[in-house]
N, C-alpha and C. Protein backbone atom coordinates (compact mmCIF):
# COMPACT_ATOMS: atom_id res chain seq x y z
N MET A 1 -40.34 21.87 21.65
CA MET A 1 -40.53 21.39 20.29
C MET A 1 -40.21 22.48 19.30
N GLY A 2 -39.88 22.06 18.10
CA GLY A 2 -39.58 23.03 17.07
C GLY A 2 -38.17 23.58 17.17
N GLU A 3 -37.41 23.10 18.17
CA GLU A 3 -36.06 23.62 18.32
C GLU A 3 -35.12 22.84 17.41
N ASN A 4 -34.15 23.54 16.84
CA ASN A 4 -33.20 22.91 15.92
C ASN A 4 -32.14 22.14 16.68
N ILE A 5 -31.91 20.94 16.28
CA ILE A 5 -30.86 20.13 16.88
C ILE A 5 -29.61 20.32 16.05
N VAL A 6 -28.54 20.71 16.69
CA VAL A 6 -27.28 20.92 16.01
C VAL A 6 -26.34 19.78 16.36
N ILE A 7 -25.85 19.12 15.35
CA ILE A 7 -24.93 18.00 15.54
C ILE A 7 -23.52 18.53 15.32
N GLU A 8 -22.63 18.23 16.27
CA GLU A 8 -21.25 18.70 16.16
C GLU A 8 -20.62 18.16 14.88
N GLY A 9 -19.94 19.01 14.13
CA GLY A 9 -19.27 18.61 12.91
C GLY A 9 -20.21 18.47 11.72
N GLU A 10 -21.44 18.92 11.85
CA GLU A 10 -22.42 18.76 10.78
C GLU A 10 -22.00 19.41 9.47
N GLY A 11 -21.25 20.51 9.56
CA GLY A 11 -20.83 21.21 8.35
C GLY A 11 -19.68 20.55 7.62
N GLU A 12 -19.05 19.56 8.23
CA GLU A 12 -17.92 18.90 7.60
C GLU A 12 -18.38 17.96 6.49
N PHE A 13 -17.60 17.92 5.42
CA PHE A 13 -17.81 16.98 4.32
C PHE A 13 -19.19 17.09 3.67
N GLY A 14 -19.77 18.26 3.71
CA GLY A 14 -21.03 18.47 3.02
C GLY A 14 -22.25 18.01 3.78
N ALA A 15 -22.11 17.65 5.05
CA ALA A 15 -23.26 17.14 5.82
C ALA A 15 -24.35 18.18 5.98
N GLY A 16 -24.00 19.44 5.98
CA GLY A 16 -24.99 20.49 6.15
C GLY A 16 -25.55 21.03 4.84
N LEU A 17 -25.19 20.43 3.72
CA LEU A 17 -25.67 20.91 2.42
C LEU A 17 -27.12 20.52 2.18
N PRO A 18 -27.81 21.32 1.40
CA PRO A 18 -29.16 20.92 0.99
C PRO A 18 -29.10 19.63 0.16
N PHE A 19 -30.20 18.90 0.14
CA PHE A 19 -30.27 17.59 -0.50
C PHE A 19 -29.77 17.61 -1.95
N PHE A 20 -30.21 18.56 -2.77
CA PHE A 20 -29.82 18.56 -4.18
C PHE A 20 -28.34 18.89 -4.36
N GLU A 21 -27.79 19.70 -3.47
CA GLU A 21 -26.36 19.97 -3.54
C GLU A 21 -25.57 18.72 -3.15
N LYS A 22 -26.09 17.92 -2.22
CA LYS A 22 -25.46 16.65 -1.88
C LYS A 22 -25.45 15.71 -3.07
N LEU A 23 -26.57 15.66 -3.79
CA LEU A 23 -26.64 14.81 -4.99
C LEU A 23 -25.65 15.27 -6.05
N GLN A 24 -25.54 16.58 -6.22
CA GLN A 24 -24.60 17.13 -7.19
C GLN A 24 -23.16 16.78 -6.80
N LEU A 25 -22.85 16.89 -5.51
CA LEU A 25 -21.52 16.54 -5.02
C LEU A 25 -21.23 15.05 -5.23
N LEU A 26 -22.23 14.21 -4.96
CA LEU A 26 -22.07 12.77 -5.17
C LEU A 26 -21.83 12.46 -6.65
N ALA A 27 -22.59 13.09 -7.53
CA ALA A 27 -22.43 12.86 -8.97
C ALA A 27 -21.05 13.32 -9.44
N GLU A 28 -20.59 14.41 -8.89
CA GLU A 28 -19.30 14.97 -9.30
C GLU A 28 -18.14 14.06 -8.89
N TRP A 29 -18.26 13.43 -7.73
CA TRP A 29 -17.18 12.60 -7.21
C TRP A 29 -17.42 11.10 -7.41
N ALA A 30 -18.48 10.71 -8.09
CA ALA A 30 -18.77 9.30 -8.32
C ALA A 30 -17.65 8.54 -9.04
N PRO A 31 -16.92 9.17 -9.96
CA PRO A 31 -15.83 8.42 -10.61
C PRO A 31 -14.78 7.87 -9.64
N VAL A 32 -14.69 8.46 -8.46
CA VAL A 32 -13.74 7.95 -7.48
C VAL A 32 -14.09 6.50 -7.11
N LEU A 33 -15.37 6.18 -7.09
CA LEU A 33 -15.78 4.81 -6.76
C LEU A 33 -15.22 3.81 -7.75
N GLY A 34 -15.26 4.15 -9.02
CA GLY A 34 -14.68 3.28 -10.05
C GLY A 34 -13.18 3.14 -9.89
N ARG A 35 -12.53 4.24 -9.54
CA ARG A 35 -11.08 4.20 -9.32
C ARG A 35 -10.75 3.32 -8.10
N LEU A 36 -11.55 3.42 -7.04
CA LEU A 36 -11.33 2.60 -5.85
C LEU A 36 -11.54 1.12 -6.17
N GLN A 37 -12.50 0.83 -7.02
CA GLN A 37 -12.73 -0.56 -7.42
C GLN A 37 -11.51 -1.11 -8.17
N ALA A 38 -10.92 -0.28 -9.03
CA ALA A 38 -9.73 -0.71 -9.76
C ALA A 38 -8.57 -0.99 -8.81
N ILE A 39 -8.46 -0.18 -7.76
CA ILE A 39 -7.40 -0.38 -6.77
C ILE A 39 -7.60 -1.69 -6.03
N THR A 40 -8.82 -1.93 -5.59
CA THR A 40 -9.07 -3.14 -4.80
C THR A 40 -9.03 -4.41 -5.63
N SER A 41 -9.30 -4.32 -6.92
CA SER A 41 -9.29 -5.52 -7.76
C SER A 41 -7.95 -5.76 -8.43
N ALA A 42 -6.96 -4.92 -8.19
CA ALA A 42 -5.64 -5.11 -8.79
C ALA A 42 -5.03 -6.41 -8.28
N SER A 43 -4.37 -7.13 -9.18
CA SER A 43 -3.85 -8.45 -8.82
C SER A 43 -2.40 -8.43 -8.33
N SER A 44 -1.71 -7.32 -8.53
CA SER A 44 -0.31 -7.25 -8.09
C SER A 44 -0.07 -5.88 -7.44
N PRO A 45 0.98 -5.80 -6.62
CA PRO A 45 1.28 -4.49 -6.01
C PRO A 45 1.54 -3.39 -7.04
N GLN A 46 2.22 -3.75 -8.14
CA GLN A 46 2.49 -2.74 -9.15
C GLN A 46 1.21 -2.28 -9.84
N GLU A 47 0.33 -3.22 -10.12
CA GLU A 47 -0.95 -2.88 -10.73
C GLU A 47 -1.77 -2.00 -9.78
N ARG A 48 -1.70 -2.30 -8.50
CA ARG A 48 -2.40 -1.50 -7.49
C ARG A 48 -1.80 -0.09 -7.43
N ALA A 49 -0.47 0.00 -7.47
CA ALA A 49 0.19 1.31 -7.44
C ALA A 49 -0.21 2.14 -8.65
N THR A 50 -0.27 1.51 -9.81
CA THR A 50 -0.68 2.22 -11.02
C THR A 50 -2.13 2.69 -10.91
N ALA A 51 -2.99 1.87 -10.36
CA ALA A 51 -4.39 2.26 -10.16
C ALA A 51 -4.50 3.41 -9.17
N ILE A 52 -3.66 3.40 -8.15
CA ILE A 52 -3.65 4.52 -7.19
C ILE A 52 -3.22 5.80 -7.87
N VAL A 53 -2.20 5.71 -8.71
CA VAL A 53 -1.74 6.90 -9.44
C VAL A 53 -2.87 7.42 -10.33
N LYS A 54 -3.59 6.52 -10.99
CA LYS A 54 -4.71 6.94 -11.84
C LYS A 54 -5.78 7.67 -11.02
N ALA A 55 -6.07 7.15 -9.82
CA ALA A 55 -7.05 7.81 -8.95
C ALA A 55 -6.55 9.17 -8.52
N LEU A 56 -5.27 9.26 -8.20
CA LEU A 56 -4.69 10.54 -7.81
C LEU A 56 -4.69 11.53 -8.98
N GLN A 57 -4.46 11.01 -10.19
CA GLN A 57 -4.52 11.88 -11.37
C GLN A 57 -5.91 12.47 -11.54
N TRP A 58 -6.93 11.66 -11.32
CA TRP A 58 -8.30 12.16 -11.44
C TRP A 58 -8.55 13.25 -10.40
N ALA A 59 -8.14 12.99 -9.16
CA ALA A 59 -8.34 13.98 -8.10
C ALA A 59 -7.50 15.24 -8.35
N ALA A 60 -6.29 15.06 -8.85
CA ALA A 60 -5.43 16.21 -9.13
C ALA A 60 -6.02 17.08 -10.24
N GLY A 61 -6.75 16.45 -11.15
CA GLY A 61 -7.40 17.20 -12.22
C GLY A 61 -8.47 18.14 -11.71
N LYS A 62 -8.90 17.95 -10.46
CA LYS A 62 -9.91 18.83 -9.86
C LYS A 62 -9.30 20.13 -9.34
N SER A 63 -7.98 20.18 -9.23
CA SER A 63 -7.33 21.37 -8.69
C SER A 63 -6.92 22.31 -9.83
N ALA A 64 -6.61 23.52 -9.45
CA ALA A 64 -6.22 24.52 -10.45
C ALA A 64 -4.73 24.47 -10.76
N THR A 65 -3.97 23.76 -9.96
CA THR A 65 -2.53 23.69 -10.19
C THR A 65 -2.19 22.59 -11.18
N THR A 66 -1.11 22.76 -11.90
CA THR A 66 -0.72 21.76 -12.90
C THR A 66 0.45 20.90 -12.45
N VAL A 67 1.17 21.33 -11.41
CA VAL A 67 2.35 20.59 -11.00
C VAL A 67 2.00 19.18 -10.52
N ASP A 68 0.87 19.03 -9.86
CA ASP A 68 0.48 17.69 -9.41
C ASP A 68 0.12 16.81 -10.59
N ASP A 69 -0.54 17.38 -11.59
CA ASP A 69 -0.89 16.63 -12.80
C ASP A 69 0.37 16.12 -13.49
N GLU A 70 1.35 17.01 -13.64
CA GLU A 70 2.59 16.65 -14.31
C GLU A 70 3.38 15.62 -13.52
N ALA A 71 3.47 15.79 -12.22
CA ALA A 71 4.22 14.85 -11.38
C ALA A 71 3.60 13.45 -11.46
N LEU A 72 2.28 13.37 -11.39
CA LEU A 72 1.61 12.07 -11.46
C LEU A 72 1.74 11.44 -12.84
N PHE A 73 1.74 12.27 -13.89
CA PHE A 73 1.95 11.76 -15.25
C PHE A 73 3.31 11.08 -15.34
N HIS A 74 4.34 11.74 -14.80
CA HIS A 74 5.68 11.17 -14.84
C HIS A 74 5.81 9.94 -13.94
N LEU A 75 5.17 9.96 -12.81
CA LEU A 75 5.19 8.80 -11.91
C LEU A 75 4.56 7.58 -12.59
N GLU A 76 3.44 7.80 -13.26
CA GLU A 76 2.81 6.68 -13.97
C GLU A 76 3.73 6.15 -15.07
N ALA A 77 4.39 7.05 -15.81
CA ALA A 77 5.30 6.63 -16.87
C ALA A 77 6.45 5.80 -16.30
N VAL A 78 6.97 6.21 -15.15
CA VAL A 78 8.04 5.45 -14.52
C VAL A 78 7.54 4.07 -14.10
N LEU A 79 6.37 4.01 -13.47
CA LEU A 79 5.83 2.72 -13.03
C LEU A 79 5.59 1.77 -14.19
N ARG A 80 5.26 2.31 -15.35
CA ARG A 80 4.98 1.46 -16.51
C ARG A 80 6.24 1.04 -17.28
N SER A 81 7.35 1.72 -17.05
CA SER A 81 8.59 1.37 -17.76
C SER A 81 9.20 0.11 -17.15
N PRO A 82 9.97 -0.64 -17.92
CA PRO A 82 10.61 -1.85 -17.37
C PRO A 82 11.51 -1.54 -16.17
N GLU A 83 12.24 -0.45 -16.25
CA GLU A 83 13.12 -0.07 -15.13
C GLU A 83 12.30 0.32 -13.90
N GLY A 84 11.22 1.05 -14.12
CA GLY A 84 10.36 1.45 -13.01
C GLY A 84 9.70 0.25 -12.37
N LYS A 85 9.28 -0.71 -13.19
CA LYS A 85 8.67 -1.93 -12.66
C LYS A 85 9.69 -2.71 -11.84
N ALA A 86 10.91 -2.82 -12.35
CA ALA A 86 11.96 -3.53 -11.62
C ALA A 86 12.25 -2.84 -10.29
N PHE A 87 12.32 -1.52 -10.30
CA PHE A 87 12.55 -0.77 -9.06
C PHE A 87 11.40 -0.97 -8.09
N PHE A 88 10.18 -0.88 -8.59
CA PHE A 88 9.01 -1.06 -7.73
C PHE A 88 8.99 -2.45 -7.13
N ASP A 89 9.27 -3.46 -7.95
CA ASP A 89 9.31 -4.84 -7.45
C ASP A 89 10.37 -4.99 -6.36
N TRP A 90 11.53 -4.36 -6.56
CA TRP A 90 12.58 -4.41 -5.56
C TRP A 90 12.12 -3.74 -4.25
N VAL A 91 11.48 -2.60 -4.34
CA VAL A 91 10.98 -1.92 -3.15
C VAL A 91 9.98 -2.80 -2.42
N VAL A 92 9.08 -3.43 -3.16
CA VAL A 92 8.07 -4.30 -2.53
C VAL A 92 8.75 -5.45 -1.79
N THR A 93 9.77 -6.05 -2.38
CA THR A 93 10.46 -7.15 -1.70
C THR A 93 11.16 -6.66 -0.43
N GLN A 94 11.66 -5.43 -0.45
CA GLN A 94 12.33 -4.90 0.74
C GLN A 94 11.33 -4.65 1.87
N VAL A 95 10.14 -4.26 1.51
CA VAL A 95 9.11 -3.94 2.51
C VAL A 95 8.48 -5.21 3.06
N THR A 96 8.30 -6.21 2.21
CA THR A 96 7.58 -7.41 2.63
C THR A 96 8.47 -8.45 3.30
N GLU A 97 9.78 -8.31 3.19
CA GLU A 97 10.68 -9.30 3.81
C GLU A 97 10.96 -8.96 5.25
């Protein structure tokens, strides 16, 4: 008795963190849940792709690099343009046929 049980992989993904640090981590990443809801409730593939880009933009904002932020900004602009929408729709038809 009194011996510590060690679970393999316990340190992964914050499993070994103290309770309050887990709460802080949850609060910090809670916006991802809203982004995931937007992805799942999207009514079209293009709307879903745009929601995915928005989620990626949020996650990219957590990093210190700016190239991912800029790339995702441009990707979103392309998806929202008429030409980008037409291209995306064409790609979807190629994949689904």
